[in-house]
Amino acid sequence: MPHPPELYVGLMSGTSLDGIDAVLVDLGRPEPVQLAKHYLPFGDALRNALLALHQPSHNELHQAQLVANQLALLYAAAVDALLATANLPNVKIKALGCHGQTIRHCPEHGYTLQIGNAALLAELTGITVVSDFRSGDIAAGGHGAPLVPAFHDKVMRHPGIHRVIVNIGGISNLTSLPPNASTSGFDCGPGNLLMDAWCMQHLGKPYDDNGAWAASGKELPALLEKLLSEPFFSQPPPRSSGRDLFNLSWLHDNLKGNEAAEDVQATLLELTCRAIAQSIQHYCFGAKEIYLCGGGAHNQTLHKRIASLLPECSVRTTDALGVDGDYLEATAFAWLAQQNLQGKPANLPLVTGAKHPCILGAVYRHS
């Protein structure tokens, strides 16, 4: 008998601060099926306001709440456009999984903060919202991140091939899926965020299209060595990071000041690739297939360099598996919402370091 549809919406806005990925997913089948998708870019004003919230400033609590309300309005607009694309009313949607926008991630201090006013989002959409997925894991002693490996474990395993899924967003993270062994995963280091910030500062562009600017420069070995000496890179998993550590201030602290801008960009691309490759070499022994997803998967210069650093592996995008890598994380948060409503744990303690499995997320029901 066919499975009745069980429709969820997933929303993701990540560390890259580029915009909102919205996806409609049928989770009533053995494998999740994407039915519709929509992308809503952030404007410059909102992007700048979010960047400002990563640093202490005057009246920042008030500003954070105002920005959270703006995000809720944008999330709701993305959901409306998504459902219009699918020609579906909101009453057909079981729940909406919304990651929210991270503005602080400090598991070492026992907290993480994602904003987005989930109560307002439920009011605006008329759909039950599940959000704040990380806090339960952190309360249990974990990092609260990465959370997507549990979803990768469900949908991307191969019974006989060791696969590694690498998400290259603002931060890069990986999921190791060895046959007949437990799934593991952790943050590797900067993904696109340093390259994007440097590109914006020097070219006025939000990203380096296909890594062309980086390809025009040359790697600076002394700078790369200095960047890789950051203690994060030698920290064993579980580990997670974000803009709290990797930002332009961190980069400038490591520069002499006389470097050519394109050479710094080339070095930042190499930093991202080395962080990913070394993570796989050290912690994913025996991996044969690497699948890239996230915005960085479109950067051919980045893709080719990762492949050259890992000659023993095939390196492709998740599209080769029939999985749209641009909406993989949004789909994962739809699934995390379903896990919450079904009362099922959704973290992997081996990944996050939590003491035990946890039901993740807080629920805001529309009355």
Protein backbone atom coordinates (compact mmCIF):
# COMPACT_ATOMS: atom_id res chain seq x y z
CA MET A 1 0.00 0.00 0.00
CA PRO A 2 1.25 3.53 -0.74
CA HIS A 3 2.37 5.56 2.24
CA PRO A 4 0.13 8.53 3.13
CA PRO A 5 2.01 11.81 2.70
CA GLU A 6 3.47 13.40 5.81
CA LEU A 7 4.45 16.91 4.78
CA TYR A 8 7.03 19.02 6.60
CA VAL A 9 8.82 22.23 5.74
CA GLY A 10 12.49 22.75 6.55
CA LEU A 11 14.13 26.18 6.83
CA MET A 12 17.85 26.81 6.96
CA SER A 13 19.81 30.05 7.10
CA GLY A 14 23.44 29.33 7.85
CA THR A 15 26.75 30.89 8.76
CA SER A 16 27.28 32.20 5.23
CA LEU A 17 24.48 34.75 5.81
CA ASP A 18 23.39 34.55 2.18
CA GLY A 19 19.70 33.78 2.64
CA ILE A 20 17.00 31.24 3.47
CA ASP A 21 16.67 27.76 1.99
CA ALA A 22 13.08 26.49 2.24
CA VAL A 23 12.08 22.97 1.25
CA LEU A 24 8.82 21.01 1.27
CA VAL A 25 9.44 17.35 2.10
CA ASP A 26 7.27 14.25 2.23
CA LEU A 27 8.54 12.30 5.24
CA GLY A 28 5.82 9.65 5.07
CA ARG A 29 7.84 7.52 2.64
CA PRO A 30 10.79 5.23 3.41
CA GLU A 31 13.13 7.94 2.06
CA PRO A 32 12.48 11.70 2.28
CA VAL A 33 11.21 13.17 -0.98
CA GLN A 34 11.68 16.86 -1.82
CA LEU A 35 8.47 18.19 -3.36
CA ALA A 36 9.29 21.89 -3.73
CA LYS A 37 12.04 24.35 -2.82
CA HIS A 38 12.49 28.09 -2.59
CA TYR A 39 15.44 30.39 -1.91
CA LEU A 40 15.04 33.87 -0.42
CA PRO A 41 18.23 35.98 -0.30
CA PHE A 42 19.08 38.30 2.59
CA GLY A 43 19.36 42.00 1.87
CA ASP A 44 22.55 43.86 2.73
CA ALA A 45 20.96 45.63 5.71
CA LEU A 46 19.89 42.39 7.37
CA ARG A 47 23.22 40.71 6.61
CA ASN A 48 25.08 43.62 8.19
CA ALA A 49 22.79 43.61 11.22
CA LEU A 50 23.42 39.89 11.74
CA LEU A 51 27.18 40.36 11.40
CA ALA A 52 27.06 43.15 13.98
CA LEU A 53 25.30 40.84 16.45
CA HIS A 54 28.30 38.53 16.48
CA GLN A 55 30.18 41.17 18.46
CA PRO A 56 29.19 42.89 21.73
CA SER A 57 27.70 46.32 21.06
CA HIS A 58 25.42 48.99 22.52
CA ASN A 59 21.89 47.76 23.22
CA GLU A 60 22.60 44.47 21.48
CA LEU A 61 19.81 42.54 23.27
CA HIS A 62 17.20 44.95 21.89
CA GLN A 63 18.79 44.81 18.45
CA ALA A 64 18.85 41.01 18.54
CA GLN A 65 15.12 40.86 19.22
CA LEU A 66 14.34 43.32 16.44
CA VAL A 67 16.43 41.29 13.99
CA ALA A 68 14.76 38.08 15.21
CA ASN A 69 11.40 39.59 14.27
CA GLN A 70 12.74 40.55 10.83
CA LEU A 71 13.92 36.99 10.35
CA ALA A 72 10.52 35.59 11.33
CA LEU A 73 8.90 37.80 8.68
CA LEU A 74 11.37 36.58 6.06
CA TYR A 75 11.02 32.94 7.11
CA ALA A 76 7.24 33.30 6.79
CA ALA A 77 7.61 34.88 3.35
CA ALA A 78 9.82 31.98 2.27
CA VAL A 79 7.22 29.48 3.52
CA ASP A 80 4.40 31.31 1.74
CA ALA A 81 6.34 31.31 -1.54
CA LEU A 82 7.23 27.64 -1.11
CA LEU A 83 3.63 26.59 -0.52
CA ALA A 84 2.47 28.74 -3.43
CA THR A 85 4.96 26.91 -5.66
CA ALA A 86 3.52 23.59 -4.48
CA ASN A 87 -0.08 24.88 -4.60
CA LEU A 88 -0.67 23.69 -1.04
CA PRO A 89 -2.51 25.30 1.89
CA ASN A 90 -0.73 25.57 5.23
CA VAL A 91 -3.15 23.12 6.88
CA LYS A 92 -1.52 20.31 4.90
CA ILE A 93 1.81 20.87 6.66
CA LYS A 94 2.45 18.84 9.80
CA ALA A 95 5.20 21.13 11.10
CA LEU A 96 7.96 23.46 10.13
CA GLY A 97 11.55 22.82 11.26
CA CYS A 98 13.47 26.09 11.56
CA HIS A 99 17.13 26.14 12.54
CA GLY A 100 17.12 29.90 13.12
CA GLN A 101 20.15 32.14 12.67
CA THR A 102 23.14 31.47 14.89
CA ILE A 103 24.60 34.61 16.46
CA ARG A 104 26.53 32.94 19.29
CA HIS A 105 27.74 29.37 19.61
CA CYS A 106 29.55 28.82 22.91
CA PRO A 107 29.11 25.21 24.03
CA GLU A 108 32.19 25.63 26.22
CA HIS A 109 30.05 28.03 28.27
CA GLY A 110 26.97 25.82 28.07
CA TYR A 111 24.87 27.75 25.57
CA THR A 112 24.13 28.43 21.93
CA LEU A 113 21.86 31.13 20.51
CA GLN A 114 19.82 30.96 17.33
CA ILE A 115 17.35 33.79 16.74
CA GLY A 116 14.25 33.92 14.57
CA ASN A 117 11.22 34.33 16.91
CA ALA A 118 9.64 30.92 16.40
CA ALA A 119 6.44 31.98 18.19
CA LEU A 120 5.94 34.80 15.69
CA LEU A 121 6.75 32.45 12.82
CA ALA A 122 4.03 30.03 13.99
CA GLU A 123 1.59 32.94 14.19
CA LEU A 124 2.47 34.23 10.73
CA THR A 125 2.35 30.87 8.96
CA GLY A 126 -0.37 29.10 10.93
CA ILE A 127 1.96 26.08 11.13
CA THR A 128 3.47 24.36 14.17
CA VAL A 129 7.14 25.37 14.41
CA VAL A 130 9.96 23.28 15.90
CA SER A 131 13.12 25.28 16.59
CA ASP A 132 16.05 25.63 19.03
CA PHE A 133 17.40 22.22 18.09
CA ARG A 134 20.85 22.61 19.63
CA SER A 135 20.11 23.53 23.25
CA GLY A 136 18.96 20.08 24.41
CA ASP A 137 22.19 18.48 23.27
CA ILE A 138 24.26 21.21 24.95
CA ALA A 139 22.30 20.74 28.19
CA ALA A 140 23.37 17.08 28.04
CA GLY A 141 27.01 18.12 27.81
CA GLY A 142 27.34 18.12 24.02
CA HIS A 143 28.35 20.73 21.47
CA GLY A 144 24.87 20.97 19.97
CA ALA A 145 26.57 20.62 16.58
CA PRO A 146 26.81 19.29 14.03
CA LEU A 147 23.27 17.89 14.02
CA VAL A 148 22.93 16.90 10.36
CA PRO A 149 25.07 13.71 10.63
CA ALA A 150 22.06 11.89 12.14
CA PHE A 151 20.13 12.67 8.95
CA HIS A 152 23.06 11.69 6.73
CA ASP A 153 23.16 8.39 8.63
CA LYS A 154 19.52 7.76 7.73
CA VAL A 155 19.58 8.65 4.02
CA MET A 156 23.14 8.43 2.65
CA ARG A 157 24.74 5.28 4.03
CA HIS A 158 26.07 2.55 1.74
CA PRO A 159 26.24 -1.03 3.05
CA GLY A 160 29.71 -1.68 1.66
CA ILE A 161 31.41 1.65 0.90
CA HIS A 162 32.84 4.13 3.40
CA ARG A 163 31.32 7.48 2.45
CA VAL A 164 32.08 10.92 3.86
CA ILE A 165 29.58 13.75 3.40
CA VAL A 166 31.22 17.19 3.55
CA ASN A 167 29.01 20.24 3.97
CA ILE A 168 30.81 23.44 2.97
CA GLY A 169 28.77 26.35 4.25
CA GLY A 170 30.21 29.22 6.24
CA ILE A 171 31.84 26.52 8.38
CA SER A 172 32.75 23.13 6.91
CA ASN A 173 31.69 19.93 8.64
CA LEU A 174 31.76 16.27 7.78
CA THR A 175 29.87 13.06 8.42
CA SER A 176 31.77 9.77 8.27
CA LEU A 177 29.62 6.76 7.30
CA PRO A 178 31.79 3.63 7.58
CA PRO A 179 30.08 0.30 6.80
CA ASN A 180 29.35 -1.78 9.89
CA ALA A 181 30.57 0.97 12.23
CA SER A 182 29.13 3.98 14.00
CA THR A 183 28.57 7.31 12.29
CA SER A 184 30.83 10.13 13.37
CA GLY A 185 31.06 13.80 12.45
CA PHE A 186 32.43 17.18 13.46
CA ASP A 187 33.27 20.68 12.24
CA CYS A 188 36.45 20.83 10.16
CA GLY A 189 37.00 24.61 10.24
CA PRO A 190 36.21 27.59 8.01
CA GLY A 191 34.24 26.80 4.90
CA ASN A 192 33.24 29.86 2.88
CA LEU A 193 32.96 32.52 5.56
CA LEU A 194 36.54 33.84 5.55
CA MET A 195 36.78 33.74 1.74
CA ASP A 196 33.41 35.50 1.43
CA ALA A 197 34.33 38.18 3.97
CA TRP A 198 37.72 38.84 2.34
CA CYS A 199 36.08 39.00 -1.10
CA MET A 200 33.49 41.49 0.14
CA GLN A 201 36.15 43.63 1.79
CA HIS A 202 38.36 43.84 -1.31
CA LEU A 203 36.07 43.32 -4.30
CA GLY A 204 32.70 44.36 -2.91
CA LYS A 205 31.29 40.98 -3.94
CA PRO A 206 29.55 38.52 -1.59
CA TYR A 207 31.61 35.54 -2.77
CA ASP A 208 34.43 34.50 -5.09
CA ASP A 209 32.58 33.01 -8.05
CA ASN A 210 34.02 29.55 -8.75
CA GLY A 211 37.15 30.50 -6.81
CA ALA A 212 38.42 32.52 -9.80
CA TRP A 213 39.96 35.26 -7.66
CA ALA A 214 41.67 32.71 -5.41
CA ALA A 215 42.99 30.94 -8.51
CA SER A 216 44.57 34.21 -9.68
CA GLY A 217 46.70 34.41 -6.52
CA LYS A 218 49.36 32.22 -4.99
CA GLU A 219 49.28 30.44 -1.68
CA LEU A 220 51.36 32.02 1.10
CA PRO A 221 52.97 29.08 2.95
CA ALA A 222 54.00 31.02 6.05
CA LEU A 223 50.50 32.49 6.44
CA LEU A 224 48.88 29.09 5.89
CA GLU A 225 51.09 27.52 8.53
CA LYS A 226 50.20 30.31 10.96
CA LEU A 227 46.48 29.90 10.32
CA LEU A 228 46.66 26.12 10.71
CA SER A 229 48.43 26.55 14.06
CA GLU A 230 45.10 27.70 15.53
CA PRO A 231 44.45 25.20 18.38
CA PHE A 232 41.01 24.33 16.98
CA PHE A 233 42.60 22.33 14.16
CA SER A 234 44.48 20.02 16.52
CA GLN A 235 41.51 19.56 18.86
CA PRO A 236 40.10 16.02 18.59
CA PRO A 237 36.36 15.53 17.97
CA PRO A 238 33.79 16.23 19.19
CA ARG A 239 34.31 19.81 18.09
CA SER A 240 32.29 22.65 16.63
CA SER A 241 32.98 26.25 15.72
CA GLY A 242 31.59 29.36 14.04
CA ARG A 243 32.06 33.09 13.57
CA ASP A 244 32.88 33.39 17.28
CA LEU A 245 36.37 32.13 16.36
CA PHE A 246 36.79 32.34 12.59
CA ASN A 247 36.16 35.92 11.48
CA LEU A 248 37.96 38.84 9.83
CA SER A 249 39.45 39.97 13.14
CA TRP A 250 41.04 36.53 13.56
CA LEU A 251 42.39 36.71 10.03
CA HIS A 252 43.79 40.24 10.41
CA ASP A 253 45.54 39.20 13.62
CA ASN A 254 47.48 36.69 11.53
CA LEU A 255 48.40 39.04 8.65
CA LYS A 256 51.51 41.17 8.33
CA GLY A 257 49.57 43.72 6.31
CA ASN A 258 51.63 43.75 3.11
CA GLU A 259 50.17 40.64 1.49
CA ALA A 260 48.52 40.88 -1.92
CA ALA A 261 44.76 40.49 -1.48
CA GLU A 262 44.49 37.74 -4.10
CA ASP A 263 47.29 35.79 -2.39
CA VAL A 264 45.41 35.93 0.91
CA GLN A 265 42.30 34.66 -0.90
CA ALA A 266 44.29 31.80 -2.40
CA THR A 267 45.61 30.95 1.07
CA LEU A 268 42.12 31.04 2.58
CA LEU A 269 40.89 28.61 -0.06
CA GLU A 270 43.83 26.35 0.73
CA LEU A 271 43.01 26.62 4.45
CA THR A 272 39.47 25.41 3.84
CA CYS A 273 40.69 22.52 1.66
CA ARG A 274 43.46 21.47 4.05
CA ALA A 275 41.12 21.55 7.04
CA ILE A 276 38.71 19.25 5.22
CA ALA A 277 41.35 16.91 3.80
CA GLN A 278 43.29 16.58 7.05
CA SER A 279 40.07 15.88 8.94
CA ILE A 280 39.25 13.05 6.56
CA GLN A 281 42.79 11.64 6.63
CA HIS A 282 42.99 11.70 10.44
CA TYR A 283 39.49 10.58 11.39
CA CYS A 284 37.89 8.81 8.40
CA PHE A 285 40.41 6.06 7.70
CA GLY A 286 39.39 3.89 4.77
CA ALA A 287 37.03 6.44 3.18
CA LYS A 288 36.51 5.83 -0.53
CA GLU A 289 33.79 8.27 -1.58
CA ILE A 290 33.57 11.96 -0.67
CA TYR A 291 30.35 13.86 -1.41
CA LEU A 292 30.27 17.66 -1.18
CA CYS A 293 27.19 19.75 -0.45
CA GLY A 294 26.44 23.33 0.59
CA GLY A 295 27.44 26.52 -1.21
CA GLY A 296 31.11 25.59 -1.41
CA ALA A 297 30.29 22.54 -3.52
CA HIS A 298 29.72 24.93 -6.46
CA ASN A 299 33.27 26.32 -6.21
CA GLN A 300 35.16 24.31 -8.83
CA THR A 301 38.57 25.58 -7.68
CA LEU A 302 37.75 24.35 -4.18
CA HIS A 303 36.33 21.06 -5.44
CA LYS A 304 39.41 20.29 -7.57
CA ARG A 305 41.82 21.14 -4.76
CA ILE A 306 40.05 18.84 -2.29
CA ALA A 307 40.19 16.07 -4.89
CA SER A 308 43.92 16.62 -5.40
CA LEU A 309 44.53 16.41 -1.63
CA LEU A 310 42.58 13.14 -1.42
CA PRO A 311 43.74 11.14 -4.48
CA GLU A 312 42.65 7.85 -2.91
CA CYS A 313 39.00 8.99 -2.87
CA SER A 314 36.44 9.93 -5.48
CA VAL A 315 35.16 13.47 -4.82
CA ARG A 316 31.74 14.40 -6.17
CA THR A 317 28.74 16.43 -5.08
CA THR A 318 25.72 14.85 -3.39
CA ASP A 319 23.82 15.47 -6.63
CA ALA A 320 25.56 12.32 -7.88
CA LEU A 321 23.45 10.45 -5.30
CA GLY A 322 20.27 12.21 -6.41
CA VAL A 323 20.37 14.53 -3.38
CA ASP A 324 20.18 18.30 -3.95
CA GLY A 325 23.12 19.55 -1.91
CA ASP A 326 21.79 23.11 -1.75
CA TYR A 327 18.74 21.97 0.22
CA LEU A 328 20.18 19.04 2.13
CA GLU A 329 20.45 20.92 5.44
CA ALA A 330 16.94 22.38 5.14
CA THR A 331 15.64 18.85 4.49
CA ALA A 332 17.51 17.66 7.57
CA PHE A 333 15.73 20.22 9.76
CA ALA A 334 12.35 19.12 8.39
CA TRP A 335 13.34 15.60 9.47
CA LEU A 336 14.52 16.85 12.87
CA ALA A 337 11.09 18.45 13.35
CA GLN A 338 9.44 15.12 12.59
CA GLN A 339 11.72 13.35 15.07
CA ASN A 340 10.68 15.82 17.76
CA LEU A 341 6.94 15.41 17.18
CA GLN A 342 7.36 11.63 17.21
CA GLY A 343 9.26 11.82 20.49
CA LYS A 344 12.43 10.30 19.00
CA PRO A 345 16.01 11.28 19.91
CA ALA A 346 17.83 12.88 16.99
CA ASN A 347 21.34 13.67 18.18
CA LEU A 348 24.31 11.34 17.88
CA PRO A 349 26.28 11.48 21.16
CA LEU A 350 29.39 10.17 19.39
CA VAL A 351 29.21 13.25 17.15
CA THR A 352 28.26 15.96 19.62
CA GLY A 353 29.74 14.60 22.84
CA ALA A 354 26.39 14.61 24.68
CA LYS A 355 26.00 12.20 27.60
CA HIS A 356 22.94 10.54 26.06
CA PRO A 357 20.51 10.70 23.12
CA CYS A 358 18.14 13.68 23.28
CA ILE A 359 14.82 14.70 21.79
CA LEU A 360 15.78 17.97 20.12
CA GLY A 361 13.85 21.19 19.67
CA ALA A 362 11.21 23.38 21.23
CA VAL A 363 7.65 23.33 19.84
CA TYR A 364 5.52 26.40 19.14
CA ARG A 365 2.01 25.35 18.20
CA HIS A 366 -0.36 27.62 16.31
CA SER A 367 -3.62 27.78 18.22
